[in-house]
Amino acid sequence: MRSSFRFAVGIEDTFVPHAYPGHRALDEYELTQHYRFWSEDLGLAAETGATAIRYGFPWYRLNPAPGRFVWDWADRVVDRLDELGLEAIVDLVHYGTPLWLDNAFLNADFPARLAEYAATLASRYRGRLGAWTPMNEPQITAMRCGEQGLWPPRLTGHDGYMKLVRAIVRGVVAAQRAVAEASGGQATFTHVEATFRYVGETGAFAEEVDLLRARRFLIQDLLAGSVDDGHPLAGYLRDHGFGDDDLAWCAANPAHPDVLGINYYPHLTTTEYRTGETLPVERRPRRNGWTAGLEELLRAFAGRYRRPLMVTETSSLGGVEQRLAWLDASLELVAGLRDQGLEIVGYTWWPLFDLAGWEYRDAHGPVGSIWSRWGCTTWRPMRSAPCAGGEPRWSTASGPGRRGRRHEADQDLDPAGRRP
């Protein structure tokens, strides 16, 4: 029997509120003025024909001090979601922590503080919010916060990466348990992970590429309690401080998702290696993997975890026709894979409207100078691939793009979202 299917959109909700000299706070709701236009934005989500929305509440704003919670804005948002009939899949953490939690994810109380926030949020909206993501893209979080030194606590190297992995796994387990208890066992959980592919002349970089390919699955493997001495990364973990006690803890405390979400962007997900280029992986060029890359990754996650899958983020940077082409091609692929028996239960176009690039944090110009056109807000109900059966459900008017009221600087961008 064919499983039901969710069409969803998502609002970019990166929250990295810690500012340092030369590094600005990064709150996408602030930069896109979602705090001002939240009701209209949720209305736009419903107008696309979506029945679900991936949505995050800013932990650092709702929980501005230890044990203190502020609910007035969140209450209005949840009322609006109810009014529109949109099912929210709630992000608890989207890269950042409250300002008062010193050392961010490495704070000794991080798992307990996240569990407290999760339980309080789930209790307040019990029966109204039922689908939860404990942490968006834990792999990206571990890389940017623990390995690359970009976001708090700004660690570097393999040891830093593994310190973040340990904290993330324990935090996700604590949050998932807290929500499950607060909801009376009625909550469902969608784990959302970034995906990566490595192509090109990889043989010249075999050791690095083999490690990166194995690490793609590491955090989900740990959450599944499936990492033991036979795991390909067992030696790597021990070399960098993740010992037998940690492995035993993970095996005894799994956090299984009801749905496993994968995030795939055709223009970002695939890294190309070229002989002679000695660059860190984050600076290597990207190759557009189009639908072949998405299919490869969906099959890999399906085979490894045997869980229902959801495309929890996808879109394509570029002009309207480019985005429409990706919408059609990716939904056609998903429909075909469902016909072949893969249990894919949803698809999310992310973001609903255009966003400020993460480089805003390290830049000095106005937000409009790093505006990225990935959005879909001028889609109208009634266009989709036949994933759910029946007639198509989505259509477009003038095509994707954020409404001009946000930033006058948008008018100076070319159709691909770049300044001429």
Protein backbone atom coordinates (compact mmCIF):
# COMPACT_ATOMS: atom_id res chain seq x y z
CA MET A 1 0.00 0.00 0.00
CA ARG A 2 1.36 3.41 -0.98
CA SER A 3 2.20 5.66 1.97
CA SER A 4 0.68 9.11 2.37
CA PHE A 5 2.72 12.07 1.20
CA ARG A 6 3.40 15.53 2.66
CA PHE A 7 4.08 18.55 0.51
CA ALA A 8 5.89 21.07 2.68
CA VAL A 9 7.71 24.35 2.55
CA GLY A 10 10.21 25.71 5.04
CA ILE A 11 11.23 29.11 6.33
CA GLU A 12 14.99 29.53 6.73
CA ASP A 13 15.59 29.68 10.47
CA THR A 14 19.33 29.78 11.10
CA PHE A 15 19.86 31.25 14.57
CA VAL A 16 23.49 31.96 15.50
CA PRO A 17 22.97 34.93 17.83
CA HIS A 18 26.49 35.22 19.25
CA ALA A 19 28.32 38.26 17.88
CA TYR A 20 32.09 38.75 18.01
CA PRO A 21 34.36 41.43 16.55
CA GLY A 22 34.12 40.92 12.80
CA HIS A 23 31.27 38.41 13.13
CA ARG A 24 27.68 39.63 13.22
CA ALA A 25 24.77 37.81 14.81
CA LEU A 26 22.96 35.67 12.24
CA ASP A 27 19.21 35.45 12.79
CA GLU A 28 17.40 34.78 9.52
CA TYR A 29 14.02 35.76 10.95
CA GLU A 30 15.47 39.17 11.75
CA LEU A 31 17.20 39.54 8.37
CA THR A 32 14.14 38.49 6.36
CA GLN A 33 11.82 40.49 8.64
CA HIS A 34 9.86 37.37 9.51
CA TYR A 35 9.42 38.68 13.06
CA ARG A 36 7.47 41.53 11.48
CA PHE A 37 5.68 39.67 8.67
CA TRP A 38 5.25 36.26 10.31
CA SER A 39 1.46 36.13 9.83
CA GLU A 40 1.69 37.06 6.15
CA ASP A 41 4.57 34.64 5.64
CA LEU A 42 2.60 31.73 7.08
CA GLY A 43 -0.27 32.74 4.83
CA LEU A 44 2.08 32.56 1.86
CA ALA A 45 3.07 29.06 2.93
CA ALA A 46 -0.56 27.98 2.91
CA GLU A 47 -1.15 29.65 -0.47
CA THR A 48 1.44 27.39 -2.10
CA GLY A 49 -0.85 24.44 -1.46
CA ALA A 50 1.52 22.95 1.10
CA THR A 51 -0.06 21.05 3.97
CA ALA A 52 3.02 21.15 6.20
CA ILE A 53 5.80 23.56 7.06
CA ARG A 54 9.21 23.01 8.59
CA TYR A 55 9.39 25.78 11.15
CA GLY A 56 11.76 26.76 13.93
CA PHE A 57 11.25 28.79 17.05
CA PRO A 58 14.30 30.83 18.14
CA TRP A 59 15.45 29.09 21.30
CA TYR A 60 17.57 32.08 22.32
CA ARG A 61 14.53 34.41 22.22
CA LEU A 62 11.94 32.11 23.76
CA ASN A 63 14.34 31.15 26.56
CA PRO A 64 16.29 34.40 27.15
CA ALA A 65 17.59 33.43 30.60
CA PRO A 66 17.96 30.16 32.52
CA GLY A 67 14.51 28.92 33.50
CA ARG A 68 12.73 31.92 31.94
CA PHE A 69 10.46 31.57 28.91
CA VAL A 70 8.66 34.20 26.83
CA TRP A 71 5.68 32.92 24.85
CA ASP A 72 3.69 35.84 23.48
CA TRP A 73 5.07 35.71 19.93
CA ALA A 74 5.13 31.90 19.77
CA ASP A 75 1.51 31.75 20.97
CA ARG A 76 0.41 33.95 18.08
CA VAL A 77 2.39 31.85 15.59
CA VAL A 78 0.81 28.61 16.78
CA ASP A 79 -2.65 30.20 16.64
CA ARG A 80 -1.95 31.20 13.03
CA LEU A 81 -0.74 27.71 12.13
CA ASP A 82 -3.98 26.31 13.55
CA GLU A 83 -6.01 28.86 11.61
CA LEU A 84 -4.32 27.91 8.34
CA GLY A 85 -4.40 24.17 8.95
CA LEU A 86 -0.64 23.89 8.48
CA GLU A 87 1.13 21.02 10.22
CA ALA A 88 4.40 22.29 11.67
CA ILE A 89 7.49 20.10 11.82
CA VAL A 90 9.27 22.00 14.56
CA ASP A 91 13.02 22.59 14.62
CA LEU A 92 14.20 22.76 18.22
CA VAL A 93 17.78 23.74 17.32
CA HIS A 94 18.92 25.27 14.06
CA TYR A 95 22.68 25.72 14.64
CA GLY A 96 22.65 28.03 17.67
CA THR A 97 22.06 28.08 21.41
CA PRO A 98 20.96 30.82 23.87
CA LEU A 99 23.45 33.57 24.59
CA TRP A 100 23.55 32.70 28.27
CA LEU A 101 24.71 29.13 27.62
CA ASP A 102 28.44 29.72 27.73
CA ASN A 103 30.49 27.56 25.36
CA ALA A 104 27.25 26.76 23.52
CA PHE A 105 27.00 23.03 22.73
CA LEU A 106 29.99 22.22 24.95
CA ASN A 107 28.35 23.59 28.08
CA ALA A 108 28.08 20.75 30.57
CA ASP A 109 24.36 21.47 30.93
CA PHE A 110 23.60 21.62 27.20
CA PRO A 111 21.66 18.32 27.02
CA ALA A 112 19.67 19.17 30.15
CA ARG A 113 18.96 22.75 29.04
CA LEU A 114 17.85 21.60 25.60
CA ALA A 115 15.63 18.95 27.19
CA GLU A 116 14.09 21.59 29.48
CA TYR A 117 13.33 23.86 26.53
CA ALA A 118 11.98 20.97 24.46
CA ALA A 119 9.73 19.72 27.24
CA THR A 120 8.40 23.19 28.02
CA LEU A 121 7.62 23.92 24.37
CA ALA A 122 6.01 20.53 23.82
CA SER A 123 3.96 20.80 27.00
CA ARG A 124 2.67 24.27 26.18
CA TYR A 125 1.50 23.22 22.71
CA ARG A 126 0.56 19.64 23.43
CA GLY A 127 -2.08 18.51 20.98
CA ARG A 128 -1.25 21.40 18.64
CA LEU A 129 2.38 20.77 17.70
CA GLY A 130 3.05 17.10 17.16
CA ALA A 131 6.00 16.69 14.78
CA TRP A 132 9.49 17.51 15.96
CA THR A 133 13.08 17.73 14.73
CA PRO A 134 15.44 17.72 17.73
CA MET A 135 18.29 19.31 15.74
CA ASN A 136 18.56 20.44 12.15
CA GLU A 137 21.60 19.11 10.27
CA PRO A 138 23.73 17.86 13.16
CA GLN A 139 26.55 17.05 10.73
CA ILE A 140 26.77 20.67 9.54
CA THR A 141 26.59 21.81 13.17
CA ALA A 142 29.52 19.59 14.13
CA MET A 143 31.54 20.77 11.14
CA ARG A 144 30.96 24.52 11.40
CA CYS A 145 31.01 24.69 15.20
CA GLY A 146 33.57 22.01 15.99
CA GLU A 147 35.87 21.51 13.01
CA GLN A 148 35.96 24.75 11.00
CA GLY A 149 35.82 27.24 13.88
CA LEU A 150 33.08 29.32 12.26
CA TRP A 151 30.26 29.25 14.82
CA PRO A 152 30.26 28.91 18.61
CA PRO A 153 32.02 27.34 20.35
CA ARG A 154 34.46 27.80 17.41
CA LEU A 155 36.56 24.69 17.83
CA THR A 156 38.79 23.35 15.08
CA GLY A 157 40.13 20.04 13.83
CA HIS A 158 39.11 16.44 14.29
CA ASP A 159 39.15 16.62 18.09
CA GLY A 160 36.85 19.64 18.01
CA TYR A 161 34.55 17.86 15.58
CA MET A 162 34.26 14.83 17.85
CA LYS A 163 33.62 16.98 20.92
CA LEU A 164 30.67 18.51 19.07
CA VAL A 165 29.47 15.09 17.90
CA ARG A 166 29.40 13.84 21.49
CA ALA A 167 27.44 16.88 22.69
CA ILE A 168 25.03 16.76 19.76
CA VAL A 169 24.18 13.09 20.18
CA ARG A 170 23.51 13.49 23.89
CA GLY A 171 21.47 16.63 23.27
CA VAL A 172 19.31 14.99 20.60
CA VAL A 173 18.64 11.98 22.81
CA ALA A 174 17.71 14.20 25.76
CA ALA A 175 15.44 16.43 23.66
CA GLN A 176 13.66 13.55 21.97
CA ARG A 177 12.98 11.86 25.29
CA ALA A 178 11.72 15.11 26.80
CA VAL A 179 9.29 15.77 23.94
CA ALA A 180 8.06 12.19 23.94
CA GLU A 181 7.28 12.39 27.67
CA ALA A 182 5.73 15.87 27.49
CA SER A 183 3.48 14.82 24.60
CA GLY A 184 2.29 11.68 26.32
CA GLY A 185 3.95 9.57 23.66
CA GLN A 186 2.02 11.23 20.83
CA ALA A 187 4.93 13.11 19.23
CA THR A 188 6.60 12.00 16.02
CA PHE A 189 10.22 12.71 15.20
CA THR A 190 11.84 13.66 11.91
CA HIS A 191 15.62 13.65 12.01
CA VAL A 192 16.99 16.06 9.42
CA GLU A 193 20.51 15.59 8.08
CA ALA A 194 22.63 17.33 5.47
CA THR A 195 23.93 15.17 2.65
CA PHE A 196 27.25 15.20 0.82
CA ARG A 197 28.75 13.70 -2.33
CA TYR A 198 32.38 13.69 -3.44
CA VAL A 199 33.24 13.26 -7.10
CA GLY A 200 36.00 13.95 -9.62
CA GLU A 201 39.63 12.95 -9.19
CA THR A 202 39.06 11.54 -5.72
CA GLY A 203 41.77 8.89 -6.00
CA ALA A 204 44.46 11.48 -5.38
CA PHE A 205 42.75 12.33 -2.07
CA ALA A 206 41.59 8.83 -1.13
CA GLU A 207 42.22 9.05 2.62
CA GLU A 208 40.40 12.35 3.00
CA VAL A 209 37.50 11.36 0.77
CA ASP A 210 37.04 7.97 2.44
CA LEU A 211 36.81 9.70 5.82
CA LEU A 212 34.33 12.28 4.56
CA ARG A 213 32.15 9.67 2.92
CA ALA A 214 32.02 7.62 6.12
CA ARG A 215 31.34 10.66 8.30
CA ARG A 216 28.19 11.51 6.31
CA PHE A 217 26.39 8.82 8.30
CA LEU A 218 28.23 9.03 11.62
CA ILE A 219 25.80 11.01 13.76
CA GLN A 220 22.76 9.09 12.54
CA ASP A 221 24.66 5.83 13.14
CA LEU A 222 25.44 6.92 16.72
CA LEU A 223 21.81 7.91 17.29
CA ALA A 224 20.78 4.48 16.03
CA GLY A 225 23.17 2.86 18.53
CA SER A 226 24.85 0.96 15.71
CA VAL A 227 28.50 2.01 16.06
CA ASP A 228 30.74 -0.73 17.43
CA ASP A 229 34.23 -2.05 16.82
CA GLY A 230 33.21 -3.16 13.34
CA HIS A 231 32.21 0.33 12.26
CA PRO A 232 34.60 1.88 9.71
CA LEU A 233 35.07 4.94 11.93
CA ALA A 234 35.64 3.12 15.23
CA GLY A 235 39.37 3.84 15.13
CA TYR A 236 38.84 7.46 14.13
CA LEU A 237 36.44 7.97 17.03
CA ARG A 238 38.87 6.54 19.57
CA ASP A 239 41.79 8.52 18.14
CA HIS A 240 39.84 11.70 18.81
CA GLY A 241 38.49 11.09 22.28
CA PHE A 242 35.25 9.23 21.66
CA GLY A 243 35.94 6.13 23.69
CA ASP A 244 34.34 2.89 24.79
CA ASP A 245 32.18 4.61 27.42
CA ASP A 246 30.75 6.93 24.76
CA LEU A 247 30.02 4.04 22.40
CA ALA A 248 28.38 2.07 25.19
CA TRP A 249 26.24 5.08 26.11
CA CYS A 250 25.06 5.48 22.51
CA ALA A 251 24.25 1.79 22.21
CA ALA A 252 22.17 1.97 25.41
CA ASN A 253 20.43 5.26 24.51
CA PRO A 254 19.29 5.21 20.88
CA ALA A 255 17.01 7.90 19.47
CA HIS A 256 15.26 6.47 16.43
CA PRO A 257 13.33 8.77 14.09
CA ASP A 258 9.89 8.05 12.72
CA VAL A 259 11.04 9.73 9.52
CA LEU A 260 14.58 10.38 8.33
CA GLY A 261 14.88 13.64 6.44
CA ILE A 262 17.64 14.40 3.97
CA ASN A 263 18.60 17.84 2.73
CA TYR A 264 19.87 18.05 -0.84
CA TYR A 265 20.71 21.03 -3.03
CA PRO A 266 21.79 20.23 -6.58
CA HIS A 267 24.18 23.18 -6.70
CA LEU A 268 25.74 22.65 -3.25
CA THR A 269 25.70 19.00 -2.18
CA THR A 270 28.32 17.59 -4.58
CA THR A 271 31.97 18.54 -4.03
CA GLU A 272 34.40 18.13 -6.92
CA TYR A 273 38.03 17.09 -6.39
CA ARG A 274 40.69 18.13 -8.90
CA THR A 275 44.27 16.87 -8.91
CA GLY A 276 46.70 19.54 -7.80
CA GLU A 277 44.19 21.57 -5.80
CA THR A 278 45.18 21.59 -2.14
CA LEU A 279 42.09 23.18 -0.66
CA PRO A 280 40.05 22.45 2.45
CA VAL A 281 36.90 20.61 1.49
CA GLU A 282 34.64 23.58 2.23
CA ARG A 283 36.51 25.65 -0.39
CA ARG A 284 36.52 23.08 -3.18
CA PRO A 285 34.30 23.73 -6.19
CA ARG A 286 30.79 22.33 -6.39
CA ARG A 287 29.36 20.31 -9.25
CA ASN A 288 25.63 20.27 -9.96
CA GLY A 289 24.49 16.73 -9.20
CA TRP A 290 20.91 17.34 -10.39
CA THR A 291 18.57 14.38 -9.90
CA ALA A 292 21.29 11.71 -10.12
CA GLY A 293 22.77 12.97 -6.87
CA LEU A 294 19.42 13.07 -5.11
CA GLU A 295 18.56 9.55 -6.22
CA GLU A 296 21.93 8.22 -5.09
CA LEU A 297 21.52 9.70 -1.62
CA LEU A 298 17.89 8.67 -1.17
CA ARG A 299 18.81 5.09 -2.03
CA ALA A 300 21.84 5.18 0.28
CA PHE A 301 19.86 6.42 3.30
CA ALA A 302 16.97 4.08 2.59
CA GLY A 303 19.26 1.08 2.41
CA ARG A 304 21.25 1.99 5.50
CA TYR A 305 18.50 2.94 7.93
CA ARG A 306 15.30 1.24 6.68
CA ARG A 307 13.21 4.21 7.78
CA PRO A 308 10.63 6.25 5.89
CA LEU A 309 12.40 9.12 4.14
CA MET A 310 11.46 12.72 3.49
CA VAL A 311 13.23 15.30 1.36
CA THR A 312 13.33 17.91 4.10
CA GLU A 313 15.17 20.63 2.18
CA THR A 314 15.72 21.19 -1.50
CA SER A 315 15.74 24.03 -3.99
CA SER A 316 17.99 25.43 -6.67
CA LEU A 317 19.77 28.76 -6.70
CA GLY A 318 19.09 30.70 -9.87
CA GLY A 319 16.40 32.33 -11.90
CA VAL A 320 12.77 31.38 -12.08
CA GLU A 321 13.14 28.87 -14.91
CA GLN A 322 16.02 27.14 -13.15
CA ARG A 323 13.98 26.76 -9.98
CA LEU A 324 10.93 25.51 -11.84
CA ALA A 325 13.05 23.00 -13.73
CA TRP A 326 14.40 21.65 -10.44
CA LEU A 327 10.94 21.54 -8.89
CA ASP A 328 9.62 19.46 -11.78
CA ALA A 329 12.66 17.19 -12.08
CA SER A 330 13.00 16.47 -8.38
CA LEU A 331 9.31 15.77 -7.85
CA GLU A 332 9.27 13.51 -10.90
CA LEU A 333 12.21 11.59 -9.44
CA VAL A 334 10.51 11.24 -6.05
CA ALA A 335 7.31 10.02 -7.67
CA GLY A 336 9.24 7.45 -9.68
CA LEU A 337 11.13 6.18 -6.64
CA ARG A 338 7.86 5.83 -4.73
CA ASP A 339 6.50 3.80 -7.64
CA GLN A 340 9.55 1.54 -7.28
CA GLY A 341 8.81 0.96 -3.62
CA LEU A 342 11.03 3.43 -1.77
CA GLU A 343 9.12 4.77 1.21
CA ILE A 344 9.45 8.50 0.62
CA VAL A 345 6.77 10.26 2.61
CA GLY A 346 7.34 13.93 1.90
CA TYR A 347 9.04 16.72 -0.01
CA THR A 348 10.00 20.20 1.18
CA TRP A 349 10.91 23.21 -0.91
CA TRP A 350 13.33 25.18 1.25
CA PRO A 351 13.24 28.13 1.64
CA LEU A 352 9.74 29.49 1.18
CA PHE A 353 11.20 32.90 0.43
CA ASP A 354 14.66 34.20 -0.33
CA LEU A 355 17.28 34.42 2.39
CA ALA A 356 20.41 36.20 3.51
CA GLY A 357 23.50 34.11 2.80
CA TRP A 358 25.44 32.85 5.79
CA GLU A 359 28.33 35.05 4.67
CA TYR A 360 26.34 37.94 6.18
CA ARG A 361 27.84 36.92 9.53
CA ASP A 362 31.38 37.65 8.35
CA ALA A 363 30.61 40.53 5.97
CA HIS A 364 30.24 44.24 6.58
CA GLY A 365 27.79 45.42 3.93
CA PRO A 366 23.99 45.63 4.00
CA VAL A 367 21.95 42.47 3.98
CA GLY A 368 20.78 43.08 0.42
CA SER A 369 24.35 42.66 -0.81
CA ILE A 370 24.32 38.94 0.05
CA TRP A 371 20.67 38.18 -0.74
CA SER A 372 20.13 34.71 -2.26
CA ARG A 373 17.18 33.95 -4.52
CA TRP A 374 15.99 30.45 -3.67
CA GLY A 375 12.40 31.21 -2.74
CA CYS A 376 9.01 30.15 -4.04
CA THR A 377 6.50 32.63 -2.68
CA THR A 378 4.77 33.40 -5.95
CA TRP A 379 3.88 29.76 -6.52
CA ARG A 380 0.13 29.32 -6.38
CA PRO A 381 -1.81 26.22 -5.31
CA MET A 382 -2.26 23.54 -7.95
CA ARG A 383 1.08 22.19 -9.19
CA SER A 384 2.92 19.01 -8.16
CA ALA A 385 4.33 15.84 -9.53
CA PRO A 386 1.94 12.91 -9.03
CA CYS A 387 3.60 11.84 -5.80
CA ALA A 388 0.37 11.60 -3.90
CA GLY A 389 -1.73 10.41 -6.81
CA GLY A 390 -4.52 12.29 -8.52
CA GLU A 391 -4.22 15.63 -10.26
CA PRO A 392 -1.22 17.99 -10.07
CA ARG A 393 -1.46 20.39 -7.16
CA TRP A 394 1.06 23.19 -7.74
CA SER A 395 1.27 25.99 -10.25
CA THR A 396 3.29 29.14 -10.70
CA ALA A 397 2.36 32.66 -11.52
CA SER A 398 5.42 34.78 -12.22
CA GLY A 399 7.68 32.19 -10.61
CA PRO A 400 9.64 32.01 -7.36
CA GLY A 401 10.97 35.14 -5.70
CA ARG A 402 10.64 37.16 -2.51
CA ARG A 403 8.23 40.07 -2.61
CA GLY A 404 9.92 43.41 -3.15
CA ARG A 405 8.80 45.00 0.13
CA ARG A 406 11.61 43.27 2.03
CA HIS A 407 14.75 44.90 0.74
CA GLU A 408 15.04 47.61 -1.88
CA ALA A 409 18.53 46.24 -2.56
CA ASP A 410 16.83 43.22 -4.10
CA GLN A 411 16.10 45.35 -7.15
CA ASP A 412 19.83 45.51 -7.90
CA LEU A 413 20.25 41.74 -8.10
CA ASP A 414 20.30 39.77 -11.32
CA PRO A 415 17.85 36.84 -11.90
CA ALA A 416 20.29 34.43 -10.24
CA GLY A 417 20.28 36.49 -7.05
CA ARG A 418 23.72 38.06 -7.63
CA ARG A 419 24.72 41.69 -7.90
CA PRO A 420 25.64 42.61 -11.49
